[in-house]
PDB file of all heavy atoms in Angstrom:
ATOM      1  N   GLU A   1     -36.732  58.729 116.218  1.00  0.00           N
ATOM      2  CA  GLU A   1     -35.702  59.541 115.570  1.00  0.00           C
ATOM      3  C   GLU A   1     -36.084  61.007 115.408  1.00  0.00           C
ATOM      4  O   GLU A   1     -35.207  61.867 115.343  1.00  0.00           O
ATOM      5  CB  GLU A   1     -35.371  58.947 114.198  1.00  0.00           C
ATOM      6  CG  GLU A   1     -34.782  57.543 114.272  1.00  0.00           C
ATOM      7  CD  GLU A   1     -34.408  56.989 112.911  1.00  0.00           C
ATOM      8  OE1 GLU A   1     -34.475  57.752 111.917  1.00  0.00           O
ATOM      9  OE2 GLU A   1     -34.048  55.802 112.837  1.00  0.00           O
ATOM     10  N   ASN A   2     -37.380  61.298 115.301  1.00  0.00           N
ATOM     11  CA  ASN A   2     -37.809  62.656 114.987  1.00  0.00           C
ATOM     12  C   ASN A   2     -38.693  63.302 116.049  1.00  0.00           C
ATOM     13  O   ASN A   2     -39.080  64.459 115.903  1.00  0.00           O
ATOM     14  CB  ASN A   2     -38.546  62.676 113.646  1.00  0.00           C
ATOM     15  CG  ASN A   2     -37.733  62.052 112.522  1.00  0.00           C
ATOM     16  OD1 ASN A   2     -38.019  60.961 112.058  1.00  0.00           O
ATOM     17  ND2 ASN A   2     -36.697  62.764 112.063  1.00  0.00           N
ATOM     18  N   GLY A   3     -39.022  62.542 117.086  1.00  0.00           N
ATOM     19  CA  GLY A   3     -39.869  63.090 118.137  1.00  0.00           C
ATOM     20  C   GLY A   3     -41.295  63.348 117.706  1.00  0.00           C
ATOM     21  O   GLY A   3     -41.969  64.238 118.233  1.00  0.00           O
ATOM     22  N   LEU A   4     -41.797  62.541 116.749  1.00  0.00           N
ATOM     23  CA  LEU A   4     -43.133  62.718 116.203  1.00  0.00           C
ATOM     24  C   LEU A   4     -43.998  61.509 116.545  1.00  0.00           C
ATOM     25  O   LEU A   4     -43.567  60.371 116.400  1.00  0.00           O
ATOM     26  CB  LEU A   4     -43.067  62.889 114.686  1.00  0.00           C
ATOM     27  CG  LEU A   4     -42.249  64.096 114.192  1.00  0.00           C
ATOM     28  CD1 LEU A   4     -42.058  64.027 112.684  1.00  0.00           C
ATOM     29  CD2 LEU A   4     -42.940  65.393 114.578  1.00  0.00           C
ATOM     30  N   ASP A   5     -45.207  61.759 116.946  1.00  0.00           N
ATOM     31  CA  ASP A   5     -46.106  60.695 117.389  1.00  0.00           C
ATOM     32  C   ASP A   5     -47.318  60.650 116.462  1.00  0.00           C
ATOM     33  O   ASP A   5     -48.151  61.552 116.468  1.00  0.00           O
ATOM     34  CB  ASP A   5     -46.547  60.952 118.830  1.00  0.00           C
ATOM     35  CG  ASP A   5     -47.142  59.714 119.489  1.00  0.00           C
ATOM     36  OD1 ASP A   5     -47.283  58.668 118.814  1.00  0.00           O
ATOM     37  OD2 ASP A   5     -47.491  59.785 120.683  1.00  0.00           O
ATOM     38  N   TYR A   6     -47.399  59.584 115.640  1.00  0.00           N
ATOM     39  CA  TYR A   6     -48.504  59.426 114.706  1.00  0.00           C
ATOM     40  C   TYR A   6     -49.150  58.063 114.882  1.00  0.00           C
ATOM     41  O   TYR A   6     -48.461  57.064 115.149  1.00  0.00           O
ATOM     42  CB  TYR A   6     -48.031  59.560 113.254  1.00  0.00           C
ATOM     43  CG  TYR A   6     -47.471  60.914 112.907  1.00  0.00           C
ATOM     44  CD1 TYR A   6     -46.130  61.068 112.564  1.00  0.00           C
ATOM     45  CD2 TYR A   6     -48.277  62.046 112.894  1.00  0.00           C
ATOM     46  CE1 TYR A   6     -45.614  62.300 112.230  1.00  0.00           C
ATOM     47  CE2 TYR A   6     -47.764  63.289 112.567  1.00  0.00           C
ATOM     48  CZ  TYR A   6     -46.435  63.409 112.242  1.00  0.00           C
ATOM     49  OH  TYR A   6     -45.925  64.639 111.914  1.00  0.00           O
ATOM     50  N   ALA A   7     -50.457  58.010 114.700  1.00  0.00           N
ATOM     51  CA  ALA A   7     -51.181  56.747 114.754  1.00  0.00           C
ATOM     52  C   ALA A   7     -50.994  56.014 113.432  1.00  0.00           C
ATOM     53  O   ALA A   7     -51.378  56.535 112.379  1.00  0.00           O
ATOM     54  CB  ALA A   7     -52.666  56.993 115.007  1.00  0.00           C
ATOM     55  N   PRO A   8     -50.415  54.809 113.446  1.00  0.00           N
ATOM     56  CA  PRO A   8     -50.161  54.110 112.181  1.00  0.00           C
ATOM     57  C   PRO A   8     -51.433  53.764 111.426  1.00  0.00           C
ATOM     58  O   PRO A   8     -51.397  53.597 110.204  1.00  0.00           O
ATOM     59  CB  PRO A   8     -49.397  52.856 112.609  1.00  0.00           C
ATOM     60  CG  PRO A   8     -49.685  52.681 114.064  1.00  0.00           C
ATOM     61  CD  PRO A   8     -49.892  54.046 114.609  1.00  0.00           C
ATOM     62  N   GLU A   9     -52.549  53.668 112.110  1.00  0.00           N
ATOM     63  CA  GLU A   9     -53.800  53.278 111.457  1.00  0.00           C
ATOM     64  C   GLU A   9     -54.395  54.388 110.595  1.00  0.00           C
ATOM     65  O   GLU A   9     -54.999  54.126 109.556  1.00  0.00           O
ATOM     66  CB  GLU A   9     -54.842  52.852 112.501  1.00  0.00           C
ATOM     67  CG  GLU A   9     -54.464  51.609 113.291  1.00  0.00           C
ATOM     68  CD  GLU A   9     -53.511  51.915 114.435  1.00  0.00           C
ATOM     69  OE1 GLU A   9     -53.273  53.119 114.727  1.00  0.00           O
ATOM     70  OE2 GLU A   9     -52.998  50.952 115.066  1.00  0.00           O
ATOM     71  N   THR A  10     -54.234  55.649 111.007  1.00  0.00           N
ATOM     72  CA  THR A  10     -54.936  56.741 110.335  1.00  0.00           C
ATOM     73  C   THR A  10     -54.076  57.944 109.971  1.00  0.00           C
ATOM     74  O   THR A  10     -54.549  58.844 109.266  1.00  0.00           O
ATOM     75  CB  THR A  10     -56.086  57.251 111.222  1.00  0.00           C
ATOM     76  OG1 THR A  10     -55.550  57.684 112.491  1.00  0.00           O
ATOM     77  CG2 THR A  10     -57.132  56.159 111.443  1.00  0.00           C
ATOM     78  N   GLU A  11     -52.827  57.988 110.432  1.00  0.00           N
ATOM     79  CA  GLU A  11     -52.021  59.181 110.226  1.00  0.00           C
ATOM     80  C   GLU A  11     -50.768  58.929 109.396  1.00  0.00           C
ATOM     81  O   GLU A  11     -49.911  59.802 109.269  1.00  0.00           O
ATOM     82  CB  GLU A  11     -51.652  59.807 111.574  1.00  0.00           C
ATOM     83  CG  GLU A  11     -52.876  60.329 112.336  1.00  0.00           C
ATOM     84  CD  GLU A  11     -52.516  61.040 113.620  1.00  0.00           C
ATOM     85  OE1 GLU A  11     -51.654  60.520 114.365  1.00  0.00           O
ATOM     86  OE2 GLU A  11     -53.120  62.089 113.903  1.00  0.00           O
ATOM     87  N   ILE A  12     -50.671  57.757 108.800  1.00  0.00           N
ATOM     88  CA  ILE A  12     -49.555  57.406 107.922  1.00  0.00           C
ATOM     89  C   ILE A  12     -50.113  56.669 106.719  1.00  0.00           C
ATOM     90  O   ILE A  12     -50.918  55.742 106.867  1.00  0.00           O
ATOM     91  CB  ILE A  12     -48.518  56.527 108.641  1.00  0.00           C
ATOM     92  CG1 ILE A  12     -47.870  57.285 109.808  1.00  0.00           C
ATOM     93  CG2 ILE A  12     -47.442  56.042 107.656  1.00  0.00           C
ATOM     94  CD1 ILE A  12     -47.017  56.406 110.699  1.00  0.00           C
ATOM     95  N   VAL A  13     -49.705  57.068 105.521  1.00  0.00           N
ATOM     96  CA  VAL A  13     -50.085  56.351 104.318  1.00  0.00           C
ATOM     97  C   VAL A  13     -48.827  56.058 103.518  1.00  0.00           C
ATOM     98  O   VAL A  13     -47.959  56.925 103.340  1.00  0.00           O
ATOM     99  CB  VAL A  13     -51.114  57.140 103.477  1.00  0.00           C
ATOM    100  CG1 VAL A  13     -50.581  58.509 103.064  1.00  0.00           C
ATOM    101  CG2 VAL A  13     -51.538  56.348 102.238  1.00  0.00           C
ATOM    102  N   ILE A  14     -48.684  54.807 103.080  1.00  0.00           N
ATOM    103  CA  ILE A  14     -47.529  54.376 102.294  1.00  0.00           C
ATOM    104  C   ILE A  14     -47.805  54.672 100.821  1.00  0.00           C
ATOM    105  O   ILE A  14     -48.874  54.341 100.298  1.00  0.00           O
ATOM    106  CB  ILE A  14     -47.240  52.872 102.495  1.00  0.00           C
ATOM    107  CG1 ILE A  14     -47.129  52.543 103.994  1.00  0.00           C
ATOM    108  CG2 ILE A  14     -45.958  52.485 101.762  1.00  0.00           C
ATOM    109  CD1 ILE A  14     -46.048  53.281 104.739  1.00  0.00           C
ATOM    110  N   THR A  15     -46.838  55.283 100.156  1.00  0.00           N
ATOM    111  CA  THR A  15     -47.017  55.743  98.782  1.00  0.00           C
ATOM    112  C   THR A  15     -45.955  55.160  97.860  1.00  0.00           C
ATOM    113  O   THR A  15     -44.966  54.579  98.310  1.00  0.00           O
ATOM    114  CB  THR A  15     -46.952  57.281  98.720  1.00  0.00           C
ATOM    115  OG1 THR A  15     -45.658  57.718  99.195  1.00  0.00           O
ATOM    116  CG2 THR A  15     -48.051  57.907  99.593  1.00  0.00           C
ATOM    117  N   ALA A  16     -46.173  55.337  96.577  1.00  0.00           N
ATOM    118  CA  ALA A  16     -45.189  54.909  95.576  1.00  0.00           C
ATOM    119  C   ALA A  16     -44.065  55.937  95.503  1.00  0.00           C
ATOM    120  O   ALA A  16     -43.963  56.739  94.572  1.00  0.00           O
ATOM    121  CB  ALA A  16     -45.860  54.727  94.224  1.00  0.00           C
ATOM    122  N   GLY A  17     -43.210  55.920  96.491  1.00  0.00           N
ATOM    123  CA  GLY A  17     -42.125  56.874  96.602  1.00  0.00           C
ATOM    124  C   GLY A  17     -42.613  58.219  97.132  1.00  0.00           C
ATOM    125  O   GLY A  17     -43.821  58.476  97.234  1.00  0.00           O
ATOM    126  N   VAL A  18     -41.663  59.089  97.463  1.00  0.00           N
ATOM    127  CA  VAL A  18     -42.019  60.433  97.888  1.00  0.00           C
ATOM    128  C   VAL A  18     -42.649  61.213  96.732  1.00  0.00           C
ATOM    129  O   VAL A  18     -43.471  62.103  96.947  1.00  0.00           O
ATOM    130  CB  VAL A  18     -40.792  61.178  98.445  1.00  0.00           C
ATOM    131  CG1 VAL A  18     -41.096  62.652  98.710  1.00  0.00           C
ATOM    132  CG2 VAL A  18     -40.319  60.519  99.742  1.00  0.00           C
ATOM    133  N   SER A  19     -42.322  60.846  95.497  1.00  0.00           N
ATOM    134  CA  SER A  19     -42.897  61.539  94.345  1.00  0.00           C
ATOM    135  C   SER A  19     -44.417  61.451  94.359  1.00  0.00           C
ATOM    136  O   SER A  19     -45.118  62.452  94.144  1.00  0.00           O
ATOM    137  CB  SER A  19     -42.343  60.965  93.038  1.00  0.00           C
ATOM    138  OG  SER A  19     -40.963  61.234  92.904  1.00  0.00           O
ATOM    139  N   GLU A  20     -44.962  60.255  94.607  1.00  0.00           N
ATOM    140  CA  GLU A  20     -46.416  60.149  94.677  1.00  0.00           C
ATOM    141  C   GLU A  20     -46.958  60.887  95.884  1.00  0.00           C
ATOM    142  O   GLU A  20     -47.991  61.555  95.810  1.00  0.00           O
ATOM    143  CB  GLU A  20     -46.880  58.683  94.713  1.00  0.00           C
ATOM    144  CG  GLU A  20     -48.381  58.572  94.480  1.00  0.00           C
ATOM    145  CD  GLU A  20     -49.068  57.394  95.158  1.00  0.00           C
ATOM    146  OE1 GLU A  20     -48.412  56.658  95.916  1.00  0.00           O
ATOM    147  OE2 GLU A  20     -50.282  57.235  94.957  1.00  0.00           O
ATOM    148  N   ALA A  21     -46.267  60.777  97.026  1.00  0.00           N
ATOM    149  CA  ALA A  21     -46.712  61.482  98.224  1.00  0.00           C
ATOM    150  C   ALA A  21     -46.777  62.985  97.988  1.00  0.00           C
ATOM    151  O   ALA A  21     -47.707  63.664  98.426  1.00  0.00           O
ATOM    152  CB  ALA A  21     -45.779  61.168  99.392  1.00  0.00           C
ATOM    153  N   LEU A  22     -45.792  63.520  97.272  1.00  0.00           N
ATOM    154  CA  LEU A  22     -45.776  64.945  96.942  1.00  0.00           C
ATOM    155  C   LEU A  22     -46.938  65.306  96.031  1.00  0.00           C
ATOM    156  O   LEU A  22     -47.673  66.273  96.281  1.00  0.00           O
ATOM    157  CB  LEU A  22     -44.445  65.299  96.272  1.00  0.00           C
ATOM    158  CG  LEU A  22     -44.326  66.689  95.679  1.00  0.00           C
ATOM    159  CD1 LEU A  22     -44.333  67.735  96.767  1.00  0.00           C
ATOM    160  CD2 LEU A  22     -43.060  66.789  94.825  1.00  0.00           C
ATOM    161  N   HIS A  23     -47.112  64.535  94.964  1.00  0.00           N
ATOM    162  CA  HIS A  23     -48.184  64.795  94.017  1.00  0.00           C
ATOM    163  C   HIS A  23     -49.544  64.756  94.712  1.00  0.00           C
ATOM    164  O   HIS A  23     -50.378  65.640  94.519  1.00  0.00           O
ATOM    165  CB  HIS A  23     -48.125  63.761  92.898  1.00  0.00           C
ATOM    166  CG  HIS A  23     -49.074  64.002  91.770  1.00  0.00           C
ATOM    167  ND1 HIS A  23     -48.763  64.712  90.661  1.00  0.00           N
ATOM    168  CD2 HIS A  23     -50.342  63.628  91.596  1.00  0.00           C
ATOM    169  CE1 HIS A  23     -49.820  64.767  89.847  1.00  0.00           C
ATOM    170  NE2 HIS A  23     -50.780  64.105  90.397  1.00  0.00           N
ATOM    171  N   LEU A  24     -49.769  63.731  95.533  1.00  0.00           N
ATOM    172  CA  LEU A  24     -51.043  63.598  96.224  1.00  0.00           C
ATOM    173  C   LEU A  24     -51.253  64.720  97.236  1.00  0.00           C
ATOM    174  O   LEU A  24     -52.376  65.193  97.422  1.00  0.00           O
ATOM    175  CB  LEU A  24     -51.126  62.247  96.926  1.00  0.00           C
ATOM    176  CG  LEU A  24     -51.122  61.008  96.021  1.00  0.00           C
ATOM    177  CD1 LEU A  24     -51.160  59.746  96.869  1.00  0.00           C
ATOM    178  CD2 LEU A  24     -52.294  61.030  95.047  1.00  0.00           C
ATOM    179  N   SER A  25     -50.182  65.137  97.915  1.00  0.00           N
ATOM    180  CA  SER A  25     -50.307  66.223  98.887  1.00  0.00           C
ATOM    181  C   SER A  25     -50.795  67.492  98.213  1.00  0.00           C
ATOM    182  O   SER A  25     -51.680  68.185  98.721  1.00  0.00           O
ATOM    183  CB  SER A  25     -48.966  66.475  99.579  1.00  0.00           C
ATOM    184  OG  SER A  25     -48.563  65.347 100.339  1.00  0.00           O
ATOM    185  N   MET A  26     -50.221  67.813  97.040  1.00  0.00           N
ATOM    186  CA  MET A  26     -50.658  69.007  96.337  1.00  0.00           C
ATOM    187  C   MET A  26     -52.099  68.854  95.854  1.00  0.00           C
ATOM    188  O   MET A  26     -52.919  69.777  95.967  1.00  0.00           O
ATOM    189  CB  MET A  26     -49.733  69.293  95.152  1.00  0.00           C
ATOM    190  CG  MET A  26     -48.274  69.557  95.528  1.00  0.00           C
ATOM    191  SD  MET A  26     -48.036  70.934  96.690  1.00  0.00           S
ATOM    192  CE  MET A  26     -47.659  70.011  98.210  1.00  0.00           C
ATOM    193  N   ALA A  27     -52.443  67.668  95.331  1.00  0.00           N
ATOM    194  CA  ALA A  27     -53.801  67.437  94.839  1.00  0.00           C
ATOM    195  C   ALA A  27     -54.829  67.511  95.954  1.00  0.00           C
ATOM    196  O   ALA A  27     -55.952  67.989  95.765  1.00  0.00           O
ATOM    197  CB  ALA A  27     -53.877  66.082  94.139  1.00  0.00           C
ATOM    198  N   ALA A  28     -54.455  67.031  97.148  1.00  0.00           N
ATOM    199  CA  ALA A  28     -55.396  66.959  98.257  1.00  0.00           C
ATOM    200  C   ALA A  28     -55.528  68.261  99.031  1.00  0.00           C
ATOM    201  O   ALA A  28     -56.562  68.522  99.649  1.00  0.00           O
ATOM    202  CB  ALA A  28     -54.973  65.841  99.218  1.00  0.00           C
ATOM    203  N   LEU A  29     -54.493  69.093  99.012  1.00  0.00           N
ATOM    204  CA  LEU A  29     -54.460  70.261  99.879  1.00  0.00           C
ATOM    205  C   LEU A  29     -54.699  71.590  99.165  1.00  0.00           C
ATOM    206  O   LEU A  29     -55.022  72.586  99.807  1.00  0.00           O
ATOM    207  CB  LEU A  29     -53.121  70.319 100.619  1.00  0.00           C
ATOM    208  CG  LEU A  29     -52.781  69.086 101.475  1.00  0.00           C
ATOM    209  CD1 LEU A  29     -51.385  69.222 102.069  1.00  0.00           C
ATOM    210  CD2 LEU A  29     -53.814  68.872 102.573  1.00  0.00           C
TER     211      LEU A  29
END
């Protein structure tokens, strides 16, 4: 759908909603 190629083993992490993904992104970056 988006033309993006990611390895499911190392390039995708499932989170508790986008809210957690957002919080973790700011904390990590």
